Amino acid sequence: MKPLKLKSPYLLKPHSRVRVDRLPKEIAGGPGFNKTEEASLPILVKHRKQLAKLQEVLYASQEYALLIVLQGMDTAGKDGTIRHIFSGVNPQGCDVTSFKTPTPLEARHDFLWRAHAAVPARGMIGIFNRSHYEDVLYPRVHGTISGKLARERFDDINEFESSLADNNVMIVKFFLHISFDEQTRRMQSRIDDPDKHWKLSPADFAERKFWPKYEEAYSELLSATSRKHAPWFAIPANCKWQRDLAISEILVDALQGLKLKYPKPVMDVADMKL
């Protein structure tokens, strides 16, 4: 498929150098974003309806697939993004895959093996809640792979995603960018709410100590892997409803850009009688 032509203030220009610590975490303004959450809700509802309609045509035509990659620090809002944006999408045409620590079987294969197995078929929307990038990000932060090996894996990822694009898989990648202070507030909220304790794990607290290293690793990752066929969007995610508006708008634009059409009918309904 042709490279995506998406215009967004959050697009990370392919092959550009990225400094995560300089990326905005708040949305300053723009259509729909300088309003209140209540005033902006109709815009999100509109986006949901558009996505539902576009997904129906995507599913019917089975010409393209859409792969959405969600990355971000703990509590950045990956689960919330899926829940709030895709609530109107037909579950039959959408799969969500969460990438955790590799299983013993996965660890015996190349690092892209489990990602390839989860790539959506044409006609489907696939959402990676964390992704193949975790197999570079976490090892890089904790020093278990070298910079040289990380760069080799980035090259592998670019080739992998290019191959998917050649096979009509549209890839849109979102880095949900929050501040350390915002993560602190969200984690404290989970501590204060007994119904949210199930979301907490010792790793969540341990990884906070590595925040600067994660910023460095994400800077390398985003610089090396934002490409025309698989662009990264750095979404300011301190405000949840603004995050949802920004992402849903990009996804609507992406699917509309495919100019999807329903397949031709396999029978002449004019001759049908019941």
Protein backbone atom coordinates (compact mmCIF):
# COMPACT_ATOMS: atom_id res chain seq x y z
CA MET A 1 0.00 0.00 0.00
CA LYS A 2 1.07 3.62 -0.50
CA PRO A 3 2.71 5.52 2.40
CA LEU A 4 0.22 7.20 4.70
CA LYS A 5 -0.42 10.89 4.17
CA LEU A 6 -1.66 11.94 7.58
CA LYS A 7 -1.46 15.52 8.78
CA SER A 8 -1.28 15.96 12.52
CA PRO A 9 0.62 18.21 14.94
CA TYR A 10 1.53 15.02 16.81
CA LEU A 11 3.17 13.25 13.87
CA LEU A 12 6.83 12.51 14.42
CA LYS A 13 8.44 13.30 11.10
CA PRO A 14 10.07 10.16 9.64
CA HIS A 15 13.84 9.95 10.12
CA SER A 16 13.82 12.99 12.45
CA ARG A 17 15.65 13.09 15.77
CA VAL A 18 13.28 12.91 18.73
CA ARG A 19 13.85 14.11 22.29
CA VAL A 20 11.08 12.70 24.46
CA ASP A 21 11.78 15.10 27.32
CA ARG A 22 10.96 17.98 24.96
CA LEU A 23 7.69 16.59 23.62
CA PRO A 24 4.50 18.20 24.98
CA LYS A 25 2.47 16.33 27.55
CA GLU A 26 -0.46 18.75 27.41
CA ILE A 27 -2.52 19.84 24.39
CA ALA A 28 -2.30 23.61 24.12
CA GLY A 29 -5.21 24.22 21.78
CA GLY A 30 -6.74 23.53 18.41
CA PRO A 31 -10.22 22.54 17.17
CA GLY A 32 -12.12 20.86 19.97
CA PHE A 33 -9.21 20.92 22.39
CA ASN A 34 -9.66 24.36 23.93
CA LYS A 35 -13.12 23.42 25.20
CA THR A 36 -14.29 21.60 28.27
CA GLU A 37 -14.58 17.83 28.44
CA GLU A 38 -18.37 18.10 28.37
CA ALA A 39 -18.34 20.35 25.28
CA SER A 40 -15.92 18.04 23.47
CA LEU A 41 -17.83 14.81 24.16
CA PRO A 42 -20.03 15.16 21.03
CA ILE A 43 -16.86 15.28 18.91
CA LEU A 44 -15.66 11.99 20.39
CA VAL A 45 -19.10 10.46 19.90
CA LYS A 46 -18.96 11.55 16.25
CA HIS A 47 -15.52 9.94 15.87
CA ARG A 48 -16.81 6.69 17.39
CA LYS A 49 -19.69 6.56 14.91
CA GLN A 50 -17.33 7.27 12.02
CA LEU A 51 -14.96 4.52 13.17
CA ALA A 52 -17.85 2.06 13.49
CA LYS A 53 -18.98 2.78 9.93
CA LEU A 54 -15.46 2.68 8.52
CA GLN A 55 -14.75 -0.59 10.31
CA GLU A 56 -17.85 -2.12 8.76
CA VAL A 57 -16.58 -1.33 5.27
CA LEU A 58 -13.06 -2.48 6.20
CA TYR A 59 -14.46 -5.80 7.43
CA ALA A 60 -16.71 -6.24 4.39
CA SER A 61 -14.10 -5.42 1.75
CA GLN A 62 -11.23 -7.43 3.35
CA GLU A 63 -8.74 -5.46 1.28
CA TYR A 64 -6.81 -3.80 4.10
CA ALA A 65 -6.04 -4.39 7.76
CA LEU A 66 -5.39 -1.74 10.40
CA LEU A 67 -2.72 -2.31 13.06
CA ILE A 68 -2.73 0.17 15.95
CA VAL A 69 0.29 0.20 18.25
CA LEU A 70 -0.06 1.75 21.72
CA GLN A 71 3.08 2.43 23.75
CA GLY A 72 3.69 4.53 26.84
CA MET A 73 4.86 4.56 30.43
CA ASP A 74 2.83 2.72 33.07
CA THR A 75 -0.57 4.45 33.61
CA ALA A 76 -0.21 6.37 30.31
CA GLY A 77 -3.72 5.28 29.35
CA LYS A 78 -3.39 2.42 26.89
CA ASP A 79 -6.35 0.50 28.34
CA GLY A 80 -8.44 3.67 28.63
CA THR A 81 -7.72 4.60 25.03
CA ILE A 82 -9.01 1.24 23.83
CA ARG A 83 -12.09 1.40 26.04
CA HIS A 84 -13.11 4.98 25.21
CA ILE A 85 -12.40 5.08 21.48
CA PHE A 86 -13.45 1.61 20.35
CA SER A 87 -16.65 1.23 22.38
CA GLY A 88 -18.76 1.42 19.21
CA VAL A 89 -16.65 -0.92 17.09
CA ASN A 90 -17.98 -4.40 16.30
CA PRO A 91 -15.90 -6.80 18.48
CA GLN A 92 -16.11 -9.36 15.68
CA GLY A 93 -13.78 -7.21 13.59
CA CYS A 94 -11.32 -6.11 16.27
CA ASP A 95 -8.63 -7.99 18.21
CA VAL A 96 -6.56 -6.67 21.12
CA THR A 97 -3.21 -8.25 21.96
CA SER A 98 -1.29 -7.40 25.14
CA PHE A 99 2.44 -8.04 25.11
CA LYS A 100 3.86 -9.05 28.47
CA THR A 101 7.07 -10.82 29.49
CA PRO A 102 7.80 -13.46 26.81
CA THR A 103 6.77 -16.98 27.69
CA PRO A 104 9.44 -19.74 27.56
CA LEU A 105 8.13 -20.74 24.12
CA GLU A 106 8.17 -17.15 22.82
CA ALA A 107 11.66 -16.60 24.19
CA ARG A 108 12.94 -19.54 22.10
CA HIS A 109 11.90 -17.78 18.88
CA ASP A 110 13.08 -14.55 17.31
CA PHE A 111 11.74 -11.47 19.10
CA LEU A 112 9.23 -10.67 16.32
CA TRP A 113 7.70 -14.16 16.23
CA ARG A 114 4.87 -13.45 18.67
CA ALA A 115 4.13 -10.08 17.07
CA HIS A 116 3.81 -11.56 13.60
CA ALA A 117 1.39 -14.17 14.92
CA ALA A 118 -0.87 -11.38 16.21
CA VAL A 119 -0.91 -9.21 13.07
CA PRO A 120 -4.53 -8.60 12.00
CA ALA A 121 -5.87 -10.30 8.88
CA ARG A 122 -7.18 -8.11 6.09
CA GLY A 123 -10.59 -6.83 7.09
CA MET A 124 -9.63 -6.64 10.77
CA ILE A 125 -8.48 -4.00 13.22
CA GLY A 126 -5.68 -5.20 15.48
CA ILE A 127 -4.60 -3.28 18.57
CA PHE A 128 -1.27 -3.95 20.24
CA ASN A 129 -1.45 -2.92 23.90
CA ARG A 130 2.31 -2.61 24.22
CA SER A 131 4.00 -4.32 21.32
CA HIS A 132 7.09 -5.72 19.65
CA TYR A 133 8.85 -2.54 20.78
CA GLU A 134 8.89 -3.86 24.34
CA ASP A 135 11.56 -6.38 23.29
CA VAL A 136 13.91 -3.48 22.65
CA LEU A 137 12.68 -0.94 25.19
CA TYR A 138 12.84 -2.94 28.43
CA PRO A 139 16.17 -4.69 27.67
CA ARG A 140 17.70 -1.35 26.64
CA VAL A 141 16.62 0.34 29.88
CA HIS A 142 17.95 -2.51 32.01
CA GLY A 143 21.17 -2.95 30.06
CA THR A 144 20.62 -6.51 28.90
CA ILE A 145 21.18 -5.60 25.25
CA SER A 146 23.75 -3.24 23.76
CA GLY A 147 23.08 -0.14 21.72
CA LYS A 148 24.35 -2.01 18.66
CA LEU A 149 21.85 -4.84 19.15
CA ALA A 150 19.07 -2.35 19.80
CA ARG A 151 19.81 -0.63 16.48
CA GLU A 152 19.81 -4.00 14.72
CA ARG A 153 16.41 -4.76 16.21
CA PHE A 154 15.10 -1.38 15.09
CA ASP A 155 16.23 -2.26 11.56
CA ASP A 156 14.43 -5.60 11.86
CA ILE A 157 11.28 -3.84 13.04
CA ASN A 158 11.37 -1.35 10.17
CA GLU A 159 11.70 -4.21 7.67
CA PHE A 160 8.94 -6.16 9.42
CA GLU A 161 6.56 -3.20 9.32
CA SER A 162 7.50 -2.43 5.73
CA SER A 163 6.61 -6.00 4.77
CA LEU A 164 3.25 -5.65 6.50
CA ALA A 165 2.57 -2.39 4.65
CA ASP A 166 3.43 -4.12 1.36
CA ASN A 167 0.67 -6.58 2.23
CA ASN A 168 -1.96 -3.89 2.85
CA VAL A 169 -1.61 -3.66 6.61
CA MET A 170 -1.91 0.00 7.58
CA ILE A 171 0.18 0.69 10.69
CA VAL A 172 -0.49 3.65 13.00
CA LYS A 173 1.61 3.95 16.16
CA PHE A 174 0.84 6.09 19.21
CA PHE A 175 3.23 7.03 22.00
CA LEU A 176 1.06 8.18 24.92
CA HIS A 177 3.19 10.81 26.62
CA ILE A 178 2.59 11.65 30.28
CA SER A 179 4.68 13.43 32.88
CA PHE A 180 6.25 11.83 35.93
CA ASP A 181 3.98 13.97 38.15
CA GLU A 182 0.89 12.78 36.27
CA GLN A 183 1.96 9.17 36.67
CA THR A 184 2.39 9.83 40.40
CA ARG A 185 -1.18 11.17 40.62
CA ARG A 186 -2.61 8.21 38.73
CA MET A 187 -0.77 5.64 40.79
CA GLN A 188 -1.80 7.35 44.01
CA SER A 189 -5.40 7.28 42.78
CA ARG A 190 -5.11 3.52 42.34
CA ILE A 191 -3.64 3.16 45.82
CA ASP A 192 -6.51 5.16 47.29
CA ASP A 193 -9.22 3.15 45.52
CA PRO A 194 -9.56 -0.48 46.71
CA ASP A 195 -11.32 -1.38 43.47
CA LYS A 196 -8.16 -0.39 41.56
CA HIS A 197 -5.67 -2.37 43.64
CA TRP A 198 -5.78 -5.23 41.14
CA LYS A 199 -4.07 -2.94 38.62
CA LEU A 200 -1.02 -2.45 40.83
CA SER A 201 2.10 -4.59 40.75
CA PRO A 202 5.55 -4.30 42.34
CA ALA A 203 7.01 -3.76 38.86
CA ASP A 204 4.98 -0.56 38.45
CA PHE A 205 6.78 1.01 41.40
CA ALA A 206 10.18 -0.45 40.59
CA GLU A 207 10.19 0.88 37.01
CA ARG A 208 9.57 4.48 38.16
CA LYS A 209 13.22 4.62 39.26
CA PHE A 210 14.23 4.22 35.62
CA TRP A 211 12.16 7.12 34.26
CA PRO A 212 15.15 9.04 32.76
CA LYS A 213 16.42 5.85 31.11
CA TYR A 214 12.98 5.19 29.64
CA GLU A 215 12.97 8.70 28.19
CA GLU A 216 16.35 8.01 26.58
CA ALA A 217 15.22 4.62 25.27
CA TYR A 218 11.99 6.03 23.85
CA SER A 219 13.96 8.83 22.19
CA GLU A 220 16.10 6.22 20.42
CA LEU A 221 13.08 4.12 19.53
CA LEU A 222 10.94 6.92 18.12
CA SER A 223 13.84 8.43 16.17
CA ALA A 224 14.71 5.09 14.59
CA THR A 225 11.27 3.75 13.72
CA SER A 226 8.93 6.54 12.62
CA ARG A 227 8.57 5.89 8.90
CA LYS A 228 6.14 6.90 6.18
CA HIS A 229 4.68 3.40 6.06
CA ALA A 230 4.44 3.18 9.88
CA PRO A 231 4.43 6.64 11.49
CA TRP A 232 4.62 7.42 15.19
CA PHE A 233 2.34 10.00 16.78
CA ALA A 234 3.42 11.42 20.15
CA ILE A 235 0.11 12.13 21.88
CA PRO A 236 0.11 14.48 24.89
CA ALA A 237 -1.70 12.23 27.36
CA ASN A 238 -1.83 14.05 30.69
CA CYS A 239 -5.47 14.88 29.89
CA LYS A 240 -7.41 11.72 29.12
CA TRP A 241 -10.29 13.17 27.09
CA GLN A 242 -7.95 15.29 24.97
CA ARG A 243 -5.86 12.18 24.34
CA ASP A 244 -8.94 10.30 23.14
CA LEU A 245 -9.98 13.11 20.81
CA ALA A 246 -6.53 13.38 19.26
CA ILE A 247 -6.17 9.64 18.64
CA SER A 248 -9.71 9.09 17.36
CA GLU A 249 -9.34 11.97 14.90
CA ILE A 250 -6.11 10.48 13.48
CA LEU A 251 -7.71 7.04 13.13
CA VAL A 252 -10.75 8.43 11.31
CA ASP A 253 -8.46 10.31 8.92
CA ALA A 254 -6.34 7.20 8.36
CA LEU A 255 -9.29 4.95 7.49
CA GLN A 256 -10.95 7.60 5.35
CA GLY A 257 -7.69 7.91 3.43
CA LEU A 258 -8.04 4.29 2.30
CA LYS A 259 -11.20 5.26 0.36
CA LEU A 260 -12.85 2.01 1.36
CA LYS A 261 -15.78 0.64 -0.61
CA TYR A 262 -18.18 -2.19 0.01
CA PRO A 263 -17.50 -5.25 -2.20
CA LYS A 264 -19.72 -5.86 -5.17
CA PRO A 265 -22.74 -8.04 -4.36
CA VAL A 266 -22.47 -11.71 -5.28
CA MET A 267 -26.09 -11.83 -6.39
CA ASP A 268 -28.70 -9.60 -7.99
CA VAL A 269 -31.10 -8.72 -5.19
CA ALA A 270 -33.61 -7.40 -7.73
CA ASP A 271 -34.47 -11.01 -8.56
CA MET A 272 -34.91 -12.04 -4.94
CA LYS A 273 -38.38 -12.79 -3.63
CA LEU A 274 -39.37 -13.95 -0.19
